[in-house]
Amino acid sequence: MESEHGRRHGGFFLIPAGALIGLGTGIIAGYMWTGLLVGLGAGFLIFVADRPERATGNGGRTAPRKLGASELILLLTGIYIILAGIAIVVIPRPLWPYLLAGLLLLLGIWLVVRGLAWGD
């Protein structure tokens, strides 16, 4: 029988596994760092998708799972890492400072909105 700790933390191997698979694929394709980033991001997404559902007590049936705050952060991190890896190949280098500045502005605005929402 699997322990509660094992059920909650057992899937963390998916994140480095995704990074290694992406790194190997990236080396074969000639884009080592892009492959690493895409694989790492995919590992985050698979980790979130693999989280077990909770039993509701209704005859052992499970309820649809809602994403918690930590899972949402992992999901957004995975998506961001995948997009950053793809952008390294697709977007020309002179646009990177503007994209980084835009991302930081959006992140700052999001943190302000979240902070104000938590204050209520």
N, C-alpha and C. Protein backbone atom coordinates (compact mmCIF):
# COMPACT_ATOMS: atom_id res chain seq x y z
N MET A 1 0.85 -1.19 0.00
CA MET A 1 0.00 0.00 0.00
C MET A 1 0.89 1.24 0.00
N GLU A 2 0.53 2.19 -0.80
CA GLU A 2 1.34 3.40 -0.96
C GLU A 2 1.01 4.40 0.14
N SER A 3 2.04 5.05 0.67
CA SER A 3 1.83 6.02 1.75
C SER A 3 1.29 7.33 1.18
N GLU A 4 0.75 8.15 2.07
CA GLU A 4 0.23 9.46 1.65
C GLU A 4 1.35 10.34 1.11
N HIS A 5 2.52 10.27 1.76
CA HIS A 5 3.67 11.05 1.29
C HIS A 5 4.07 10.61 -0.12
N GLY A 6 4.07 9.32 -0.38
CA GLY A 6 4.43 8.81 -1.69
C GLY A 6 3.44 9.24 -2.76
N ARG A 7 2.16 9.29 -2.42
CA ARG A 7 1.15 9.72 -3.39
C ARG A 7 1.30 11.20 -3.71
N ARG A 8 1.65 12.00 -2.71
CA ARG A 8 1.76 13.44 -2.93
C ARG A 8 3.04 13.84 -3.63
N HIS A 9 4.15 13.16 -3.34
CA HIS A 9 5.45 13.60 -3.81
C HIS A 9 6.11 12.64 -4.78
N GLY A 10 5.45 11.54 -5.13
CA GLY A 10 6.08 10.53 -5.96
C GLY A 10 6.27 10.91 -7.41
N GLY A 11 5.54 11.89 -7.91
CA GLY A 11 5.61 12.24 -9.31
C GLY A 11 6.67 13.26 -9.67
N PHE A 12 7.45 13.71 -8.70
CA PHE A 12 8.45 14.74 -8.99
C PHE A 12 9.52 14.26 -9.96
N PHE A 13 9.67 12.95 -10.13
CA PHE A 13 10.64 12.43 -11.08
C PHE A 13 10.28 12.82 -12.51
N LEU A 14 9.03 13.18 -12.76
CA LEU A 14 8.60 13.54 -14.11
C LEU A 14 9.28 14.82 -14.60
N ILE A 15 9.60 15.74 -13.71
CA ILE A 15 10.21 17.01 -14.12
C ILE A 15 11.63 16.80 -14.64
N PRO A 16 12.53 16.15 -13.89
CA PRO A 16 13.86 15.91 -14.47
C PRO A 16 13.83 14.92 -15.62
N ALA A 17 12.88 13.98 -15.61
CA ALA A 17 12.77 13.05 -16.74
C ALA A 17 12.44 13.81 -18.02
N GLY A 18 11.52 14.77 -17.94
CA GLY A 18 11.19 15.59 -19.10
C GLY A 18 12.38 16.40 -19.58
N ALA A 19 13.16 16.93 -18.62
CA ALA A 19 14.34 17.71 -18.98
C ALA A 19 15.36 16.84 -19.71
N LEU A 20 15.58 15.62 -19.22
CA LEU A 20 16.55 14.73 -19.87
C LEU A 20 16.09 14.29 -21.25
N ILE A 21 14.82 13.97 -21.37
CA ILE A 21 14.29 13.59 -22.69
C ILE A 21 14.39 14.76 -23.65
N GLY A 22 14.04 15.96 -23.19
CA GLY A 22 14.15 17.14 -24.04
C GLY A 22 15.59 17.45 -24.42
N LEU A 23 16.52 17.27 -23.47
CA LEU A 23 17.93 17.50 -23.75
C LEU A 23 18.44 16.53 -24.81
N GLY A 24 18.11 15.26 -24.66
CA GLY A 24 18.52 14.28 -25.66
C GLY A 24 17.94 14.57 -27.03
N THR A 25 16.66 14.92 -27.06
CA THR A 25 16.02 15.25 -28.33
C THR A 25 16.63 16.52 -28.93
N GLY A 26 16.91 17.50 -28.08
CA GLY A 26 17.52 18.74 -28.55
C GLY A 26 18.91 18.53 -29.12
N ILE A 27 19.69 17.65 -28.50
CA ILE A 27 21.02 17.36 -29.03
C ILE A 27 20.92 16.73 -30.41
N ILE A 28 19.98 15.80 -30.57
CA ILE A 28 19.78 15.16 -31.87
C ILE A 28 19.35 16.19 -32.92
N ALA A 29 18.45 17.11 -32.53
CA ALA A 29 17.92 18.10 -33.47
C ALA A 29 18.86 19.28 -33.69
N GLY A 30 19.89 19.41 -32.87
CA GLY A 30 20.82 20.52 -33.02
C GLY A 30 20.45 21.75 -32.22
N TYR A 31 19.48 21.64 -31.34
CA TYR A 31 19.05 22.74 -30.47
C TYR A 31 19.05 22.25 -29.03
N MET A 32 20.23 22.09 -28.46
CA MET A 32 20.36 21.48 -27.15
C MET A 32 19.60 22.24 -26.07
N TRP A 33 19.82 23.54 -25.95
CA TRP A 33 19.20 24.31 -24.86
C TRP A 33 17.70 24.47 -25.07
N THR A 34 17.28 24.60 -26.31
CA THR A 34 15.85 24.67 -26.59
C THR A 34 15.17 23.37 -26.21
N GLY A 35 15.80 22.25 -26.57
CA GLY A 35 15.25 20.95 -26.20
C GLY A 35 15.16 20.78 -24.70
N LEU A 36 16.19 21.24 -23.98
CA LEU A 36 16.18 21.15 -22.52
C LEU A 36 15.02 21.95 -21.94
N LEU A 37 14.82 23.18 -22.41
CA LEU A 37 13.75 24.01 -21.89
C LEU A 37 12.36 23.45 -22.21
N VAL A 38 12.18 23.00 -23.43
CA VAL A 38 10.88 22.45 -23.81
C VAL A 38 10.60 21.17 -23.01
N GLY A 39 11.61 20.31 -22.86
CA GLY A 39 11.43 19.10 -22.08
C GLY A 39 11.15 19.37 -20.62
N LEU A 40 11.84 20.36 -20.05
CA LEU A 40 11.62 20.74 -18.66
C LEU A 40 10.20 21.27 -18.46
N GLY A 41 9.78 22.14 -19.36
CA GLY A 41 8.41 22.66 -19.28
C GLY A 41 7.38 21.57 -19.43
N ALA A 42 7.63 20.63 -20.34
CA ALA A 42 6.71 19.50 -20.52
C ALA A 42 6.67 18.64 -19.26
N GLY A 43 7.81 18.50 -18.58
CA GLY A 43 7.84 17.76 -17.32
C GLY A 43 6.94 18.40 -16.28
N PHE A 44 6.96 19.73 -16.19
CA PHE A 44 6.07 20.43 -15.27
C PHE A 44 4.60 20.17 -15.62
N LEU A 45 4.27 20.26 -16.90
CA LEU A 45 2.88 20.06 -17.31
C LEU A 45 2.41 18.63 -17.03
N ILE A 46 3.26 17.66 -17.32
CA ILE A 46 2.90 16.26 -17.07
C ILE A 46 2.77 16.01 -15.58
N PHE A 47 3.64 16.63 -14.79
CA PHE A 47 3.55 16.48 -13.34
C PHE A 47 2.21 16.98 -12.82
N VAL A 48 1.77 18.14 -13.30
CA VAL A 48 0.48 18.68 -12.85
C VAL A 48 -0.66 17.80 -13.33
N ALA A 49 -0.58 17.31 -14.57
CA ALA A 49 -1.65 16.47 -15.11
C ALA A 49 -1.72 15.11 -14.42
N ASP A 50 -0.62 14.64 -13.85
CA ASP A 50 -0.55 13.32 -13.24
C ASP A 50 -0.97 13.32 -11.78
N ARG A 51 -1.30 14.47 -11.23
CA ARG A 51 -1.67 14.52 -9.81
C ARG A 51 -2.92 13.67 -9.57
N PRO A 52 -2.95 12.88 -8.49
CA PRO A 52 -4.10 12.01 -8.25
C PRO A 52 -5.34 12.81 -7.88
N GLU A 53 -6.49 12.25 -8.26
CA GLU A 53 -7.76 12.87 -7.88
C GLU A 53 -8.10 12.43 -6.46
N ARG A 54 -8.87 13.23 -5.79
CA ARG A 54 -9.23 12.91 -4.41
C ARG A 54 -10.58 12.19 -4.39
N ALA A 55 -10.68 11.17 -3.55
CA ALA A 55 -11.95 10.46 -3.41
C ALA A 55 -12.92 11.34 -2.63
N THR A 56 -14.18 11.30 -3.02
CA THR A 56 -15.19 12.14 -2.38
C THR A 56 -15.89 11.41 -1.26
N GLY A 57 -15.74 10.09 -1.17
CA GLY A 57 -16.45 9.33 -0.15
C GLY A 57 -17.78 8.81 -0.65
N ASN A 58 -18.18 9.13 -1.85
CA ASN A 58 -19.43 8.65 -2.43
C ASN A 58 -19.20 7.32 -3.12
N GLY A 59 -18.99 6.29 -2.34
CA GLY A 59 -18.76 4.98 -2.92
C GLY A 59 -17.41 4.88 -3.61
N GLY A 60 -16.44 5.68 -3.20
CA GLY A 60 -15.11 5.62 -3.79
C GLY A 60 -14.98 6.40 -5.09
N ARG A 61 -16.03 7.08 -5.52
CA ARG A 61 -15.94 7.87 -6.76
C ARG A 61 -15.09 9.11 -6.52
N THR A 62 -14.51 9.62 -7.58
CA THR A 62 -13.68 10.81 -7.45
C THR A 62 -14.39 12.00 -8.08
N ALA A 63 -14.17 13.13 -7.46
CA ALA A 63 -14.75 14.38 -7.97
C ALA A 63 -13.78 15.00 -8.97
N PRO A 64 -14.28 15.82 -9.88
CA PRO A 64 -13.36 16.54 -10.77
C PRO A 64 -12.38 17.36 -9.94
N ARG A 65 -11.12 17.30 -10.31
CA ARG A 65 -10.07 17.95 -9.54
C ARG A 65 -9.95 19.41 -9.94
N LYS A 66 -9.87 20.28 -8.94
CA LYS A 66 -9.62 21.70 -9.18
C LYS A 66 -8.15 21.97 -8.95
N LEU A 67 -7.60 22.89 -9.74
CA LEU A 67 -6.20 23.25 -9.57
C LEU A 67 -6.04 24.14 -8.35
N GLY A 68 -5.10 23.77 -7.48
CA GLY A 68 -4.76 24.60 -6.34
C GLY A 68 -3.78 25.69 -6.78
N ALA A 69 -3.43 26.57 -5.87
CA ALA A 69 -2.51 27.66 -6.19
C ALA A 69 -1.14 27.13 -6.59
N SER A 70 -0.64 26.13 -5.89
CA SER A 70 0.69 25.61 -6.22
C SER A 70 0.68 24.90 -7.57
N GLU A 71 -0.41 24.19 -7.87
CA GLU A 71 -0.50 23.53 -9.18
C GLU A 71 -0.61 24.54 -10.30
N LEU A 72 -1.34 25.63 -10.06
CA LEU A 72 -1.46 26.68 -11.07
C LEU A 72 -0.11 27.32 -11.35
N ILE A 73 0.67 27.55 -10.30
CA ILE A 73 2.01 28.12 -10.49
C ILE A 73 2.89 27.17 -11.29
N LEU A 74 2.84 25.87 -10.98
CA LEU A 74 3.61 24.88 -11.74
C LEU A 74 3.17 24.83 -13.19
N LEU A 75 1.86 24.91 -13.42
CA LEU A 75 1.33 24.89 -14.79
C LEU A 75 1.80 26.11 -15.57
N LEU A 76 1.71 27.28 -14.99
CA LEU A 76 2.15 28.51 -15.66
C LEU A 76 3.66 28.51 -15.88
N THR A 77 4.41 27.96 -14.92
CA THR A 77 5.86 27.86 -15.08
C THR A 77 6.21 26.96 -16.24
N GLY A 78 5.53 25.82 -16.34
CA GLY A 78 5.78 24.90 -17.45
C GLY A 78 5.48 25.53 -18.80
N ILE A 79 4.35 26.22 -18.89
CA ILE A 79 3.98 26.88 -20.15
C ILE A 79 5.02 27.96 -20.50
N TYR A 80 5.44 28.73 -19.50
CA TYR A 80 6.42 29.79 -19.74
C TYR A 80 7.75 29.21 -20.22
N ILE A 81 8.21 28.13 -19.60
CA ILE A 81 9.49 27.53 -19.99
C ILE A 81 9.41 26.98 -21.41
N ILE A 82 8.31 26.35 -21.76
CA ILE A 82 8.14 25.84 -23.13
C ILE A 82 8.17 26.99 -24.13
N LEU A 83 7.42 28.05 -23.85
CA LEU A 83 7.38 29.19 -24.77
C LEU A 83 8.75 29.87 -24.87
N ALA A 84 9.48 29.95 -23.76
CA ALA A 84 10.82 30.54 -23.80
C ALA A 84 11.75 29.70 -24.66
N GLY A 85 11.66 28.38 -24.54
CA GLY A 85 12.50 27.51 -25.35
C GLY A 85 12.21 27.65 -26.83
N ILE A 86 10.94 27.71 -27.17
CA ILE A 86 10.57 27.87 -28.58
C ILE A 86 10.97 29.25 -29.08
N ALA A 87 10.82 30.26 -28.24
CA ALA A 87 11.15 31.64 -28.64
C ALA A 87 12.63 31.81 -28.93
N ILE A 88 13.48 31.03 -28.27
CA ILE A 88 14.92 31.13 -28.53
C ILE A 88 15.22 30.84 -30.00
N VAL A 89 14.48 29.93 -30.58
CA VAL A 89 14.71 29.55 -31.98
C VAL A 89 13.95 30.47 -32.93
N VAL A 90 12.74 30.86 -32.57
CA VAL A 90 11.84 31.54 -33.51
C VAL A 90 12.02 33.05 -33.53
N ILE A 91 12.20 33.68 -32.38
CA ILE A 91 12.20 35.14 -32.30
C ILE A 91 13.62 35.68 -32.48
N PRO A 92 13.78 36.69 -33.33
CA PRO A 92 15.11 37.28 -33.55
C PRO A 92 15.67 37.90 -32.26
N ARG A 93 16.98 37.84 -32.13
CA ARG A 93 17.67 38.32 -30.92
C ARG A 93 17.40 39.79 -30.59
N PRO A 94 17.29 40.72 -31.54
CA PRO A 94 17.06 42.13 -31.16
C PRO A 94 15.74 42.37 -30.43
N LEU A 95 14.77 41.47 -30.56
CA LEU A 95 13.48 41.67 -29.89
C LEU A 95 13.47 41.18 -28.44
N TRP A 96 14.48 40.42 -28.02
CA TRP A 96 14.49 39.84 -26.69
C TRP A 96 14.39 40.87 -25.56
N PRO A 97 15.13 41.99 -25.60
CA PRO A 97 14.99 42.95 -24.48
C PRO A 97 13.57 43.48 -24.33
N TYR A 98 12.88 43.72 -25.42
CA TYR A 98 11.51 44.23 -25.36
C TYR A 98 10.55 43.18 -24.83
N LEU A 99 10.75 41.93 -25.26
CA LEU A 99 9.89 40.86 -24.77
C LEU A 99 10.10 40.62 -23.28
N LEU A 100 11.35 40.68 -22.83
CA LEU A 100 11.63 40.50 -21.42
C LEU A 100 11.02 41.64 -20.60
N ALA A 101 11.17 42.87 -21.09
CA ALA A 101 10.58 44.02 -20.39
C ALA A 101 9.06 43.89 -20.32
N GLY A 102 8.44 43.48 -21.41
CA GLY A 102 6.99 43.29 -21.42
C GLY A 102 6.55 42.21 -20.46
N LEU A 103 7.29 41.12 -20.40
CA LEU A 103 6.97 40.03 -19.48
C LEU A 103 7.08 40.50 -18.03
N LEU A 104 8.13 41.25 -17.71
CA LEU A 104 8.30 41.74 -16.36
C LEU A 104 7.19 42.72 -15.98
N LEU A 105 6.78 43.57 -16.92
CA LEU A 105 5.67 44.49 -16.66
C LEU A 105 4.38 43.72 -16.38
N LEU A 106 4.09 42.72 -17.19
CA LEU A 106 2.88 41.92 -16.98
C LEU A 106 2.92 41.17 -15.65
N LEU A 107 4.08 40.62 -15.31
CA LEU A 107 4.22 39.92 -14.05
C LEU A 107 4.02 40.87 -12.87
N GLY A 108 4.58 42.07 -12.96
CA GLY A 108 4.39 43.05 -11.90
C GLY A 108 2.93 43.47 -11.74
N ILE A 109 2.26 43.70 -12.86
CA ILE A 109 0.84 44.06 -12.80
C ILE A 109 0.02 42.93 -12.20
N TRP A 110 0.32 41.70 -12.60
CA TRP A 110 -0.40 40.55 -12.07
C TRP A 110 -0.20 40.44 -10.55
N LEU A 111 1.04 40.66 -10.07
CA LEU A 111 1.30 40.58 -8.64
C LEU A 111 0.56 41.68 -7.88
N VAL A 112 0.48 42.87 -8.45
CA VAL A 112 -0.27 43.96 -7.80
C VAL A 112 -1.75 43.59 -7.72
N VAL A 113 -2.32 43.09 -8.79
CA VAL A 113 -3.74 42.71 -8.81
C VAL A 113 -3.99 41.59 -7.80
N ARG A 114 -3.11 40.59 -7.76
CA ARG A 114 -3.28 39.49 -6.79
C ARG A 114 -3.16 40.01 -5.35
N GLY A 115 -2.21 40.90 -5.13
CA GLY A 115 -2.04 41.46 -3.79
C GLY A 115 -3.24 42.24 -3.33
N LEU A 116 -3.83 43.02 -4.24
CA LEU A 116 -5.03 43.78 -3.89
C LEU A 116 -6.23 42.86 -3.68
N ALA A 117 -6.31 41.79 -4.46
CA ALA A 117 -7.43 40.84 -4.30
C ALA A 117 -7.32 40.09 -2.98
N TRP A 118 -6.10 39.78 -2.53
CA TRP A 118 -5.93 39.08 -1.26
C TRP A 118 -6.24 39.99 -0.07
N GLY A 119 -6.13 41.29 -0.29
CA GLY A 119 -6.37 42.23 0.81
C GLY A 119 -7.84 42.33 1.20
N ASP A 120 -8.73 41.87 0.34
CA ASP A 120 -10.17 41.98 0.63
C ASP A 120 -10.61 40.98 1.65
